[in-house]
Amino acid sequence: MSKIFVDACFGKETPYTPVWMMRQAGRYLKEYMEVRKQAGNFLNLCHNPKLAAEVTLQPVDIVGVDAAILFSDILVVPNEMGMKLDFLSGEGPVFEKPIKNQADLDALLGGEEAANKLTYVYDTIKILREALDKRGDEKALIGFTGAPWTLATYMIEGEGTKTYNICKKMMYSNPELLHSILKKVTEVVKLYMQKQIEAGVDVVQIFDSWAAAIEPSKYDEFSWKYMVEIAEYLKAKYPHIPVIMFPKSIPAFIPQVYGNFDVFGVDWSTPMAYAKEHLGDRYVLQGNMEPCRLYSKEATSFCVESLQKTMGGKRHIFNLGHGILPDVPVENAIHFVKECHRVSKK
């Protein structure tokens, strides 16, 4: 059965331009908060396939998006490599013992050993695959991972950071160690994505949330080439599965983008016309409404119409230029989806 979202990822003609939102399963939905309360905490929710599947489907049913994105977290990967992870209230994710040297890295699981421990993610996907197939409504299921660089920042810093000074100190003073970390994570991520595809996802997205922490001249060396390696590995095995790349806030690098993937996610700080000029003939473009426009229906409609005018309804997927924020009114999210469908209906 042909899915509109998958067709759009391959640049095929579709009856309208599909839309989904990053972080669409989340705190802006009261239904999500109720399930999360049931789970006890965020990590428990990620580890509970039945509940994770339930929150994955909520935005499909409530908001009307064209694709469900697997509910999980990028940090389950380093967690299952052997790094103890906690989500502390008001602080976010914290790793008990960050990587400081080669011995710390050597102590972590790699490859199949780590990827095989993420069974709860694959079980969630199997539940979702069955549920979506039963509905027969052509909604696609997106799997995802963090890019090796983004994962490495947490593994080295031990938590979220505004300065990235510990991992950037390593970048310039001990690049060999940083590359060793990135290589090990890349091998796990390849297999993790492979197992997500085998469990039943239709599309995969690689998030490089902290791409902007790297200066443009170093971006390919320390992030993009590893993302491309993952994409190449997946496209060689599964040419029918679209791969989406989303590096956040790297407009200076856009003219240098290369690789065997299908969709380039454009963040809100990059003008869509600029992305189209440099990449539109090679990749389908996804994005890129500023998430805060969702606070105003008028600002949302204006942006959706502008994006439609720029892209002309071709080789495009509507999305936000980053994740939806927790205090956005649900009716405004619904309005965004309806507007995307309205302006692009052929």
C-alpha atoms as a PDB file:
ATOM      1  CA  MET A   1       0.000   0.000   0.000  1.00  0.00           C
ATOM      2  CA  SER A   2       1.433   3.349  -1.076  1.00  0.00           C
ATOM      3  CA  LYS A   3       1.808   5.881   1.751  1.00  0.00           C
ATOM      4  CA  ILE A   4       1.601   9.590   0.905  1.00  0.00           C
ATOM      5  CA  PHE A   5       4.418  10.462   3.313  1.00  0.00           C
ATOM      6  CA  VAL A   6       6.776   7.831   1.865  1.00  0.00           C
ATOM      7  CA  ASP A   7       5.939   8.922  -1.702  1.00  0.00           C
ATOM      8  CA  ALA A   8       6.687  12.535  -0.750  1.00  0.00           C
ATOM      9  CA  CYS A   9      10.073  11.491   0.699  1.00  0.00           C
ATOM     10  CA  PHE A  10      10.962  10.106  -2.734  1.00  0.00           C
ATOM     11  CA  GLY A  11       9.782  13.271  -4.495  1.00  0.00           C
ATOM     12  CA  LYS A  12       6.771  11.575  -6.085  1.00  0.00           C
ATOM     13  CA  GLU A  13       3.565  13.418  -6.910  1.00  0.00           C
ATOM     14  CA  THR A  14       1.113  13.362  -3.965  1.00  0.00           C
ATOM     15  CA  PRO A  15      -2.489  14.661  -3.603  1.00  0.00           C
ATOM     16  CA  TYR A  16      -1.256  17.203  -1.020  1.00  0.00           C
ATOM     17  CA  THR A  17       1.986  17.960   0.817  1.00  0.00           C
ATOM     18  CA  PRO A  18       2.180  15.789   3.955  1.00  0.00           C
ATOM     19  CA  VAL A  19       2.988  17.227   7.379  1.00  0.00           C
ATOM     20  CA  TRP A  20       4.311  16.028  10.735  1.00  0.00           C
ATOM     21  CA  MET A  21       5.972  17.790  13.663  1.00  0.00           C
ATOM     22  CA  MET A  22       9.158  17.056  15.534  1.00  0.00           C
ATOM     23  CA  ARG A  23       8.331  16.259  19.198  1.00  0.00           C
ATOM     24  CA  GLN A  24       4.693  15.805  18.152  1.00  0.00           C
ATOM     25  CA  ALA A  25       4.154  13.145  20.851  1.00  0.00           C
ATOM     26  CA  GLY A  26       4.710  15.177  23.971  1.00  0.00           C
ATOM     27  CA  ARG A  27       3.851  17.560  26.758  1.00  0.00           C
ATOM     28  CA  TYR A  28       1.509  19.878  24.815  1.00  0.00           C
ATOM     29  CA  LEU A  29      -1.007  16.984  24.780  1.00  0.00           C
ATOM     30  CA  LYS A  30      -2.874  16.331  28.045  1.00  0.00           C
ATOM     31  CA  GLU A  31      -3.371  12.738  26.868  1.00  0.00           C
ATOM     32  CA  TYR A  32       0.412  12.309  26.752  1.00  0.00           C
ATOM     33  CA  MET A  33       0.791  13.677  30.289  1.00  0.00           C
ATOM     34  CA  GLU A  34      -1.782  11.175  31.555  1.00  0.00           C
ATOM     35  CA  VAL A  35       0.132   8.230  30.035  1.00  0.00           C
ATOM     36  CA  ARG A  36       3.448   9.590  31.297  1.00  0.00           C
ATOM     37  CA  LYS A  37       1.985   9.787  34.817  1.00  0.00           C
ATOM     38  CA  GLN A  38       0.995   6.126  34.447  1.00  0.00           C
ATOM     39  CA  ALA A  39       4.589   5.240  33.496  1.00  0.00           C
ATOM     40  CA  GLY A  40       6.061   7.074  36.489  1.00  0.00           C
ATOM     41  CA  ASN A  41       8.772   8.924  34.585  1.00  0.00           C
ATOM     42  CA  PHE A  42      10.086   9.661  31.100  1.00  0.00           C
ATOM     43  CA  LEU A  43      12.596   6.794  30.937  1.00  0.00           C
ATOM     44  CA  ASN A  44       9.996   4.266  32.134  1.00  0.00           C
ATOM     45  CA  LEU A  45       7.741   5.459  29.326  1.00  0.00           C
ATOM     46  CA  CYS A  46      10.521   4.871  26.753  1.00  0.00           C
ATOM     47  CA  HIS A  47      11.019   1.363  28.194  1.00  0.00           C
ATOM     48  CA  ASN A  48       7.318   0.402  28.106  1.00  0.00           C
ATOM     49  CA  PRO A  49       6.415  -0.677  24.526  1.00  0.00           C
ATOM     50  CA  LYS A  50       2.646  -0.612  25.084  1.00  0.00           C
ATOM     51  CA  LEU A  51       2.627   2.915  26.541  1.00  0.00           C
ATOM     52  CA  ALA A  52       5.287   4.212  24.114  1.00  0.00           C
ATOM     53  CA  ALA A  53       3.132   2.962  21.222  1.00  0.00           C
ATOM     54  CA  GLU A  54       0.079   4.665  22.722  1.00  0.00           C
ATOM     55  CA  VAL A  55       1.744   8.093  22.894  1.00  0.00           C
ATOM     56  CA  THR A  56       3.246   7.631  19.406  1.00  0.00           C
ATOM     57  CA  LEU A  57      -0.273   7.360  17.966  1.00  0.00           C
ATOM     58  CA  GLN A  58      -1.816  10.239  19.949  1.00  0.00           C
ATOM     59  CA  PRO A  59      -0.804  13.064  17.567  1.00  0.00           C
ATOM     60  CA  VAL A  60      -1.968  11.014  14.572  1.00  0.00           C
ATOM     61  CA  ASP A  61      -5.433  10.719  16.137  1.00  0.00           C
ATOM     62  CA  ILE A  62      -5.667  14.125  17.830  1.00  0.00           C
ATOM     63  CA  VAL A  63      -3.714  16.474  15.537  1.00  0.00           C
ATOM     64  CA  GLY A  64      -4.103  14.663  12.194  1.00  0.00           C
ATOM     65  CA  VAL A  65      -0.446  14.485  11.098  1.00  0.00           C
ATOM     66  CA  ASP A  66       0.486  12.253   8.159  1.00  0.00           C
ATOM     67  CA  ALA A  67       3.185  10.263   9.945  1.00  0.00           C
ATOM     68  CA  ALA A  68       3.744   8.879  13.425  1.00  0.00           C
ATOM     69  CA  ILE A  69       7.265   9.200  14.825  1.00  0.00           C
ATOM     70  CA  LEU A  70       8.338   6.501  17.227  1.00  0.00           C
ATOM     71  CA  PHE A  71       8.244   7.693  20.846  1.00  0.00           C
ATOM     72  CA  SER A  72      11.676   7.170  22.366  1.00  0.00           C
ATOM     73  CA  ASP A  73      14.776   9.215  23.191  1.00  0.00           C
ATOM     74  CA  ILE A  74      18.110   9.549  21.412  1.00  0.00           C
ATOM     75  CA  LEU A  75      19.976   8.763  24.660  1.00  0.00           C
ATOM     76  CA  VAL A  76      18.740   5.177  24.923  1.00  0.00           C
ATOM     77  CA  VAL A  77      21.717   4.369  22.645  1.00  0.00           C
ATOM     78  CA  PRO A  78      24.540   5.442  25.015  1.00  0.00           C
ATOM     79  CA  ASN A  79      22.444   4.147  27.917  1.00  0.00           C
ATOM     80  CA  GLU A  80      22.447   0.628  26.436  1.00  0.00           C
ATOM     81  CA  MET A  81      26.124   0.936  25.529  1.00  0.00           C
ATOM     82  CA  GLY A  82      26.626   0.948  29.305  1.00  0.00           C
ATOM     83  CA  MET A  83      26.334   4.578  30.413  1.00  0.00           C
ATOM     84  CA  LYS A  84      23.962   4.983  33.376  1.00  0.00           C
ATOM     85  CA  LEU A  85      21.326   7.559  32.452  1.00  0.00           C
ATOM     86  CA  ASP A  86      18.997   9.567  34.703  1.00  0.00           C
ATOM     87  CA  PHE A  87      16.482  12.253  33.806  1.00  0.00           C
ATOM     88  CA  LEU A  88      16.590  14.712  36.700  1.00  0.00           C
ATOM     89  CA  SER A  89      13.656  17.047  37.272  1.00  0.00           C
ATOM     90  CA  GLY A  90      14.566  20.552  36.106  1.00  0.00           C
ATOM     91  CA  GLU A  91      17.976  19.399  34.856  1.00  0.00           C
ATOM     92  CA  GLY A  92      17.257  16.991  32.015  1.00  0.00           C
ATOM     93  CA  PRO A  93      19.386  13.958  31.093  1.00  0.00           C
ATOM     94  CA  VAL A  94      22.510  13.214  33.151  1.00  0.00           C
ATOM     95  CA  PHE A  95      25.094  10.453  32.664  1.00  0.00           C
ATOM     96  CA  GLU A  96      26.699   9.283  35.890  1.00  0.00           C
ATOM     97  CA  LYS A  97      30.165   8.701  34.389  1.00  0.00           C
ATOM     98  CA  PRO A  98      31.056  10.722  31.262  1.00  0.00           C
ATOM     99  CA  ILE A  99      33.768   9.502  28.864  1.00  0.00           C
ATOM    100  CA  LYS A 100      37.125  11.064  29.740  1.00  0.00           C
ATOM    101  CA  ASN A 101      39.628   8.701  28.112  1.00  0.00           C
ATOM    102  CA  GLN A 102      40.099   5.616  25.918  1.00  0.00           C
ATOM    103  CA  ALA A 103      39.629   3.259  28.890  1.00  0.00           C
ATOM    104  CA  ASP A 104      36.159   4.753  29.545  1.00  0.00           C
ATOM    105  CA  LEU A 105      35.267   4.214  25.888  1.00  0.00           C
ATOM    106  CA  ASP A 106      36.655   0.649  25.852  1.00  0.00           C
ATOM    107  CA  ALA A 107      34.445  -0.220  28.839  1.00  0.00           C
ATOM    108  CA  LEU A 108      31.302   0.465  26.756  1.00  0.00           C
ATOM    109  CA  LEU A 109      29.475  -2.088  24.627  1.00  0.00           C
ATOM    110  CA  GLY A 110      29.603  -1.615  20.855  1.00  0.00           C
ATOM    111  CA  GLY A 111      28.022  -2.962  17.666  1.00  0.00           C
ATOM    112  CA  GLU A 112      25.532  -5.845  17.950  1.00  0.00           C
ATOM    113  CA  GLU A 113      25.973  -6.149  21.724  1.00  0.00           C
ATOM    114  CA  ALA A 114      24.618  -2.651  22.327  1.00  0.00           C
ATOM    115  CA  ALA A 115      22.049  -2.670  19.495  1.00  0.00           C
ATOM    116  CA  ASN A 116      20.583  -5.973  20.736  1.00  0.00           C
ATOM    117  CA  LYS A 117      19.818  -4.428  24.132  1.00  0.00           C
ATOM    118  CA  LEU A 118      17.317  -1.958  22.643  1.00  0.00           C
ATOM    119  CA  THR A 119      14.591  -4.610  22.393  1.00  0.00           C
ATOM    120  CA  TYR A 120      11.937  -2.351  23.984  1.00  0.00           C
ATOM    121  CA  VAL A 121      12.317   0.049  21.022  1.00  0.00           C
ATOM    122  CA  TYR A 122      11.872  -2.753  18.469  1.00  0.00           C
ATOM    123  CA  ASP A 123       8.900  -4.122  20.461  1.00  0.00           C
ATOM    124  CA  THR A 124       7.273  -0.667  20.390  1.00  0.00           C
ATOM    125  CA  ILE A 125       7.729  -0.550  16.602  1.00  0.00           C
ATOM    126  CA  LYS A 126       6.160  -4.015  16.186  1.00  0.00           C
ATOM    127  CA  ILE A 127       3.083  -2.921  18.184  1.00  0.00           C
ATOM    128  CA  LEU A 128       2.825   0.255  16.071  1.00  0.00           C
ATOM    129  CA  ARG A 129       3.291  -1.586  12.790  1.00  0.00           C
ATOM    130  CA  GLU A 130       0.427  -3.918  13.650  1.00  0.00           C
ATOM    131  CA  ALA A 131      -1.809  -1.059  14.828  1.00  0.00           C
ATOM    132  CA  LEU A 132      -1.159   1.096  11.745  1.00  0.00           C
ATOM    133  CA  ASP A 133      -1.629  -1.817   9.336  1.00  0.00           C
ATOM    134  CA  LYS A 134      -4.953  -2.692  10.981  1.00  0.00           C
ATOM    135  CA  ARG A 135      -6.216   0.857  10.473  1.00  0.00           C
ATOM    136  CA  GLY A 136      -5.332   0.833   6.785  1.00  0.00           C
ATOM    137  CA  ASP A 137      -5.170   4.649   6.814  1.00  0.00           C
ATOM    138  CA  GLU A 138      -1.791   4.922   5.070  1.00  0.00           C
ATOM    139  CA  LYS A 139      -0.080   6.755   7.940  1.00  0.00           C
ATOM    140  CA  ALA A 140       3.685   6.206   7.856  1.00  0.00           C
ATOM    141  CA  LEU A 141       5.876   5.309  10.840  1.00  0.00           C
ATOM    142  CA  ILE A 142       9.167   7.174  11.296  1.00  0.00           C
ATOM    143  CA  GLY A 143      12.054   5.679  13.264  1.00  0.00           C
ATOM    144  CA  PHE A 144      14.956   7.833  14.408  1.00  0.00           C
ATOM    145  CA  THR A 145      18.319   8.202  16.057  1.00  0.00           C
ATOM    146  CA  GLY A 146      20.556  10.984  17.255  1.00  0.00           C
ATOM    147  CA  ALA A 147      23.588  11.662  15.050  1.00  0.00           C
ATOM    148  CA  PRO A 148      26.893  10.358  16.434  1.00  0.00           C
ATOM    149  CA  TRP A 149      28.113  13.908  17.195  1.00  0.00           C
ATOM    150  CA  THR A 150      24.970  14.838  19.148  1.00  0.00           C
ATOM    151  CA  LEU A 151      25.130  11.569  21.113  1.00  0.00           C
ATOM    152  CA  ALA A 152      28.851  12.067  21.768  1.00  0.00           C
ATOM    153  CA  THR A 153      28.272  15.543  23.240  1.00  0.00           C
ATOM    154  CA  TYR A 154      26.122  14.032  25.998  1.00  0.00           C
ATOM    155  CA  MET A 155      28.500  11.110  26.499  1.00  0.00           C
ATOM    156  CA  ILE A 156      31.489  13.436  26.941  1.00  0.00           C
ATOM    157  CA  GLU A 157      29.853  16.346  28.787  1.00  0.00           C
ATOM    158  CA  GLY A 158      27.676  14.067  30.928  1.00  0.00           C
ATOM    159  CA  GLU A 159      24.612  16.298  30.410  1.00  0.00           C
ATOM    160  CA  GLY A 160      23.191  19.016  28.183  1.00  0.00           C
ATOM    161  CA  THR A 161      25.504  21.984  27.685  1.00  0.00           C
ATOM    162  CA  LYS A 162      25.418  25.516  26.295  1.00  0.00           C
ATOM    163  CA  THR A 163      29.157  25.761  25.605  1.00  0.00           C
ATOM    164  CA  TYR A 164      30.237  22.221  24.588  1.00  0.00           C
ATOM    165  CA  ASN A 165      33.649  23.162  25.977  1.00  0.00           C
ATOM    166  CA  ILE A 166      34.569  19.642  27.196  1.00  0.00           C
ATOM    167  CA  CYS A 167      33.838  17.901  23.884  1.00  0.00           C
ATOM    168  CA  LYS A 168      35.280  20.807  21.862  1.00  0.00           C
ATOM    169  CA  LYS A 169      38.426  20.764  23.970  1.00  0.00           C
ATOM    170  CA  MET A 170      38.687  17.087  22.964  1.00  0.00           C
ATOM    171  CA  MET A 171      38.016  18.020  19.312  1.00  0.00           C
ATOM    172  CA  TYR A 172      41.064  20.292  19.181  1.00  0.00           C
ATOM    173  CA  SER A 173      43.411  18.714  21.743  1.00  0.00           C
ATOM    174  CA  ASN A 174      42.640  14.988  21.341  1.00  0.00           C
ATOM    175  CA  PRO A 175      40.789  14.502  18.030  1.00  0.00           C
ATOM    176  CA  GLU A 176      41.828  10.820  17.880  1.00  0.00           C
ATOM    177  CA  LEU A 177      39.790  10.037  20.999  1.00  0.00           C
ATOM    178  CA  LEU A 178      36.783  11.974  19.718  1.00  0.00           C
ATOM    179  CA  HIS A 179      36.931  10.096  16.393  1.00  0.00           C
ATOM    180  CA  SER A 180      37.167   6.797  18.315  1.00  0.00           C
ATOM    181  CA  ILE A 181      33.993   7.702  20.221  1.00  0.00           C
ATOM    182  CA  LEU A 182      32.205   8.769  17.012  1.00  0.00           C
ATOM    183  CA  LYS A 183      33.224   5.565  15.204  1.00  0.00           C
ATOM    184  CA  LYS A 184      32.006   3.335  18.024  1.00  0.00           C
ATOM    185  CA  VAL A 185      28.682   5.185  18.250  1.00  0.00           C
ATOM    186  CA  THR A 186      28.296   5.083  14.438  1.00  0.00           C
ATOM    187  CA  GLU A 187      28.606   1.292  14.408  1.00  0.00           C
ATOM    188  CA  VAL A 188      25.906   0.957  17.085  1.00  0.00           C
ATOM    189  CA  VAL A 189      23.605   3.445  15.321  1.00  0.00           C
ATOM    190  CA  LYS A 190      23.874   1.622  11.964  1.00  0.00           C
ATOM    191  CA  LEU A 191      22.650  -1.596  13.570  1.00  0.00           C
ATOM    192  CA  TYR A 192      20.067   0.216  15.698  1.00  0.00           C
ATOM    193  CA  MET A 193      18.550   1.782  12.565  1.00  0.00           C
ATOM    194  CA  GLN A 194      18.730  -1.538  10.727  1.00  0.00           C
ATOM    195  CA  LYS A 195      16.817  -3.248  13.539  1.00  0.00           C
ATOM    196  CA  GLN A 196      14.217  -0.438  13.589  1.00  0.00           C
ATOM    197  CA  ILE A 197      13.660  -0.976   9.848  1.00  0.00           C
ATOM    198  CA  GLU A 198      13.402  -4.742  10.309  1.00  0.00           C
ATOM    199  CA  ALA A 199      10.871  -4.195  13.117  1.00  0.00           C
ATOM    200  CA  GLY A 200       8.661  -2.181  10.757  1.00  0.00           C
ATOM    201  CA  VAL A 201       9.407   1.558  10.399  1.00  0.00           C
ATOM    202  CA  ASP A 202       8.728   3.104   6.964  1.00  0.00           C
ATOM    203  CA  VAL A 203      11.213   5.996   7.180  1.00  0.00           C
ATOM    204  CA  VAL A 204      14.199   6.922   9.382  1.00  0.00           C
ATOM    205  CA  GLN A 205      15.433  10.336  10.499  1.00  0.00           C
ATOM    206  CA  ILE A 206      18.894  11.179  11.867  1.00  0.00           C
ATOM    207  CA  PHE A 207      18.774  14.180  14.238  1.00  0.00           C
ATOM    208  CA  ASP A 208      21.926  16.259  14.663  1.00  0.00           C
ATOM    209  CA  SER A 209      20.449  18.600  17.253  1.00  0.00           C
ATOM    210  CA  TRP A 210      23.817  20.070  18.270  1.00  0.00           C
ATOM    211  CA  ALA A 211      25.282  20.482  14.775  1.00  0.00           C
ATOM    212  CA  ALA A 212      25.677  24.233  15.321  1.00  0.00           C
ATOM    213  CA  ALA A 213      28.232  23.642  18.099  1.00  0.00           C
ATOM    214  CA  ILE A 214      30.839  22.774  15.430  1.00  0.00           C
ATOM    215  CA  GLU A 215      32.477  25.486  13.314  1.00  0.00           C
ATOM    216  CA  PRO A 216      31.556  25.073   9.603  1.00  0.00           C
ATOM    217  CA  SER A 217      35.086  24.082   8.491  1.00  0.00           C
ATOM    218  CA  LYS A 218      35.084  21.162  10.977  1.00  0.00           C
ATOM    219  CA  TYR A 219      31.472  20.049  10.541  1.00  0.00           C
ATOM    220  CA  ASP A 220      32.073  17.421   7.863  1.00  0.00           C
ATOM    221  CA  GLU A 221      35.000  15.862   9.715  1.00  0.00           C
ATOM    222  CA  PHE A 222      33.299  15.521  13.105  1.00  0.00           C
ATOM    223  CA  SER A 223      29.637  15.025  12.223  1.00  0.00           C
ATOM    224  CA  TRP A 224      28.345  14.997   8.663  1.00  0.00           C
ATOM    225  CA  LYS A 225      30.646  12.227   7.340  1.00  0.00           C
ATOM    226  CA  TYR A 226      29.426   9.898  10.110  1.00  0.00           C
ATOM    227  CA  MET A 227      25.773  10.695   9.318  1.00  0.00           C
ATOM    228  CA  VAL A 228      26.474  10.009   5.632  1.00  0.00           C
ATOM    229  CA  GLU A 229      28.144   6.700   6.539  1.00  0.00           C
ATOM    230  CA  ILE A 230      24.974   5.620   8.390  1.00  0.00           C
ATOM    231  CA  ALA A 231      22.750   6.750   5.507  1.00  0.00           C
ATOM    232  CA  GLU A 232      24.915   4.934   2.924  1.00  0.00           C
ATOM    233  CA  TYR A 233      24.800   1.741   5.006  1.00  0.00           C
ATOM    234  CA  LEU A 234      20.989   1.886   5.237  1.00  0.00           C
ATOM    235  CA  LYS A 235      20.360   2.847   1.596  1.00  0.00           C
ATOM    236  CA  ALA A 236      22.575  -0.028   0.386  1.00  0.00           C
ATOM    237  CA  LYS A 237      20.488  -2.523   2.373  1.00  0.00           C
ATOM    238  CA  TYR A 238      17.042  -0.883   2.209  1.00  0.00           C
ATOM    239  CA  PRO A 239      16.728   1.349  -0.891  1.00  0.00           C
ATOM    240  CA  HIS A 240      12.930   1.419  -0.391  1.00  0.00           C
ATOM    241  CA  ILE A 241      13.276   3.107   3.041  1.00  0.00           C
ATOM    242  CA  PRO A 242      13.656   6.909   2.863  1.00  0.00           C
ATOM    243  CA  VAL A 243      16.388   8.481   5.015  1.00  0.00           C
ATOM    244  CA  ILE A 244      15.910  12.013   6.393  1.00  0.00           C
ATOM    245  CA  MET A 245      18.886  14.047   7.633  1.00  0.00           C
ATOM    246  CA  PHE A 246      18.222  16.881  10.093  1.00  0.00           C
ATOM    247  CA  PRO A 247      21.288  18.881  11.137  1.00  0.00           C
ATOM    248  CA  LYS A 248      20.089  21.904  13.121  1.00  0.00           C
ATOM    249  CA  SER A 249      21.304  25.452  12.377  1.00  0.00           C
ATOM    250  CA  ILE A 250      24.116  24.914   9.883  1.00  0.00           C
ATOM    251  CA  PRO A 251      23.241  27.285   6.980  1.00  0.00           C
ATOM    252  CA  ALA A 252      26.948  27.937   6.238  1.00  0.00           C
ATOM    253  CA  PHE A 253      27.472  24.207   5.548  1.00  0.00           C
ATOM    254  CA  ILE A 254      24.441  23.745   3.261  1.00  0.00           C
ATOM    255  CA  PRO A 255      26.309  24.368  -0.030  1.00  0.00           C
ATOM    256  CA  GLN A 256      28.678  21.504   0.911  1.00  0.00           C
ATOM    257  CA  VAL A 257      25.992  18.931   1.751  1.00  0.00           C
ATOM    258  CA  TYR A 258      26.484  15.563   0.038  1.00  0.00           C
ATOM    259  CA  GLY A 259      25.464  11.939   0.550  1.00  0.00           C
ATOM    260  CA  ASN A 260      23.065   9.171  -0.412  1.00  0.00           C
ATOM    261  CA  PHE A 261      19.847  10.077   1.410  1.00  0.00           C
ATOM    262  CA  ASP A 262      16.409  11.308   0.402  1.00  0.00           C
ATOM    263  CA  VAL A 263      15.188  14.216   2.536  1.00  0.00           C
ATOM    264  CA  PHE A 264      17.027  17.169   4.065  1.00  0.00           C
ATOM    265  CA  GLY A 265      15.351  18.669   7.147  1.00  0.00           C
ATOM    266  CA  VAL A 266      15.652  22.471   7.107  1.00  0.00           C
ATOM    267  CA  ASP A 267      15.685  24.179  10.507  1.00  0.00           C
ATOM    268  CA  TRP A 268      13.898  27.481  11.117  1.00  0.00           C
ATOM    269  CA  SER A 269      17.097  29.594  11.078  1.00  0.00           C
ATOM    270  CA  THR A 270      17.783  28.641   7.442  1.00  0.00           C
ATOM    271  CA  PRO A 271      15.652  30.368   4.770  1.00  0.00           C
ATOM    272  CA  MET A 272      13.799  27.728   2.770  1.00  0.00           C
ATOM    273  CA  ALA A 273      14.566  29.551  -0.503  1.00  0.00           C
ATOM    274  CA  TYR A 274      18.295  29.290   0.293  1.00  0.00           C
ATOM    275  CA  ALA A 275      18.014  25.557   1.042  1.00  0.00           C
ATOM    276  CA  LYS A 276      15.997  25.073  -2.160  1.00  0.00           C
ATOM    277  CA  GLU A 277      18.596  26.923  -4.231  1.00  0.00           C
ATOM    278  CA  HIS A 278      21.446  24.711  -3.001  1.00  0.00           C
ATOM    279  CA  LEU A 279      19.721  21.365  -2.349  1.00  0.00           C
ATOM    280  CA  GLY A 280      16.235  21.358  -3.897  1.00  0.00           C
ATOM    281  CA  ASP A 281      17.252  19.572  -7.082  1.00  0.00           C
ATOM    282  CA  ARG A 282      18.981  16.723  -5.185  1.00  0.00           C
ATOM    283  CA  TYR A 283      16.880  16.221  -2.051  1.00  0.00           C
ATOM    284  CA  VAL A 284      13.282  16.605  -0.930  1.00  0.00           C
ATOM    285  CA  LEU A 285      13.203  19.428   1.656  1.00  0.00           C
ATOM    286  CA  GLN A 286      11.403  19.164   4.985  1.00  0.00           C
ATOM    287  CA  GLY A 287      10.380  22.039   7.229  1.00  0.00           C
ATOM    288  CA  ASN A 288      10.801  24.716   8.303  1.00  0.00           C
ATOM    289  CA  MET A 289       8.258  26.802  10.245  1.00  0.00           C
ATOM    290  CA  GLU A 290       9.565  28.544  13.362  1.00  0.00           C
ATOM    291  CA  PRO A 291       7.921  26.524  16.185  1.00  0.00           C
ATOM    292  CA  CYS A 292       6.898  29.685  18.081  1.00  0.00           C
ATOM    293  CA  ARG A 293       4.610  30.678  15.191  1.00  0.00           C
ATOM    294  CA  LEU A 294       2.293  27.992  16.585  1.00  0.00           C
ATOM    295  CA  TYR A 295       1.330  30.442  19.354  1.00  0.00           C
ATOM    296  CA  SER A 296      -0.575  32.428  16.695  1.00  0.00           C
ATOM    297  CA  LYS A 297      -2.928  30.973  14.102  1.00  0.00           C
ATOM    298  CA  GLU A 298      -2.413  34.031  11.882  1.00  0.00           C
ATOM    299  CA  ALA A 299       1.405  33.718  12.030  1.00  0.00           C
ATOM    300  CA  THR A 300       1.055  29.992  11.285  1.00  0.00           C
ATOM    301  CA  SER A 301      -1.169  30.531   8.228  1.00  0.00           C
ATOM    302  CA  PHE A 302       1.142  33.231   6.879  1.00  0.00           C
ATOM    303  CA  CYS A 303       4.174  30.939   7.153  1.00  0.00           C
ATOM    304  CA  VAL A 304       2.422  27.901   5.651  1.00  0.00           C
ATOM    305  CA  GLU A 305       1.335  29.986   2.658  1.00  0.00           C
ATOM    306  CA  SER A 306       4.863  31.410   2.258  1.00  0.00           C
ATOM    307  CA  LEU A 307       6.394  27.917   2.340  1.00  0.00           C
ATOM    308  CA  GLN A 308       3.877  26.693  -0.206  1.00  0.00           C
ATOM    309  CA  LYS A 309       4.742  29.634  -2.463  1.00  0.00           C
ATOM    310  CA  THR A 310       8.499  28.952  -2.121  1.00  0.00           C
ATOM    311  CA  MET A 311       8.229  25.200  -2.705  1.00  0.00           C
ATOM    312  CA  GLY A 312       5.306  25.224  -5.138  1.00  0.00           C
ATOM    313  CA  GLY A 313       3.967  22.018  -3.601  1.00  0.00           C
ATOM    314  CA  LYS A 314       6.871  20.044  -5.054  1.00  0.00           C
ATOM    315  CA  ARG A 315       9.626  18.002  -3.360  1.00  0.00           C
ATOM    316  CA  HIS A 316       8.552  19.220   0.062  1.00  0.00           C
ATOM    317  CA  ILE A 317       7.269  17.936   3.415  1.00  0.00           C
ATOM    318  CA  PHE A 318       5.757  20.420   5.866  1.00  0.00           C
ATOM    319  CA  ASN A 319       7.248  20.416   9.361  1.00  0.00           C
ATOM    320  CA  LEU A 320       8.500  22.762  12.039  1.00  0.00           C
ATOM    321  CA  GLY A 321      12.101  23.950  11.973  1.00  0.00           C
ATOM    322  CA  HIS A 322      12.602  22.222  15.350  1.00  0.00           C
ATOM    323  CA  GLY A 323      10.357  20.615  18.001  1.00  0.00           C
ATOM    324  CA  ILE A 324       6.896  21.755  19.109  1.00  0.00           C
ATOM    325  CA  LEU A 325       6.979  23.493  22.506  1.00  0.00           C
ATOM    326  CA  PRO A 326       5.102  22.167  25.566  1.00  0.00           C
ATOM    327  CA  ASP A 327       2.761  25.162  26.037  1.00  0.00           C
ATOM    328  CA  VAL A 328       1.450  25.351  22.453  1.00  0.00           C
ATOM    329  CA  PRO A 329      -2.383  25.096  22.404  1.00  0.00           C
ATOM    330  CA  VAL A 330      -3.446  21.808  20.788  1.00  0.00           C
ATOM    331  CA  GLU A 331      -5.991  23.631  18.599  1.00  0.00           C
ATOM    332  CA  ASN A 332      -3.118  25.657  17.087  1.00  0.00           C
ATOM    333  CA  ALA A 333      -1.224  22.465  16.207  1.00  0.00           C
ATOM    334  CA  ILE A 334      -4.406  21.117  14.556  1.00  0.00           C
ATOM    335  CA  HIS A 335      -4.749  24.437  12.683  1.00  0.00           C
ATOM    336  CA  PHE A 336      -1.170  24.079  11.354  1.00  0.00           C
ATOM    337  CA  VAL A 337      -1.867  20.592   9.979  1.00  0.00           C
ATOM    338  CA  LYS A 338      -5.165  21.662   8.389  1.00  0.00           C
ATOM    339  CA  GLU A 339      -3.523  24.697   6.799  1.00  0.00           C
ATOM    340  CA  CYS A 340      -0.728  22.573   5.313  1.00  0.00           C
ATOM    341  CA  HIS A 341      -3.317  20.278   3.760  1.00  0.00           C
ATOM    342  CA  ARG A 342      -5.502  23.190   2.580  1.00  0.00           C
ATOM    343  CA  VAL A 343      -2.835  25.199   0.779  1.00  0.00           C
ATOM    344  CA  SER A 344      -1.206  22.182  -0.893  1.00  0.00           C
ATOM    345  CA  LYS A 345      -4.281  20.225  -1.990  1.00  0.00           C
ATOM    346  CA  LYS A 346      -4.021  19.547  -5.711  1.00  0.00           C
END
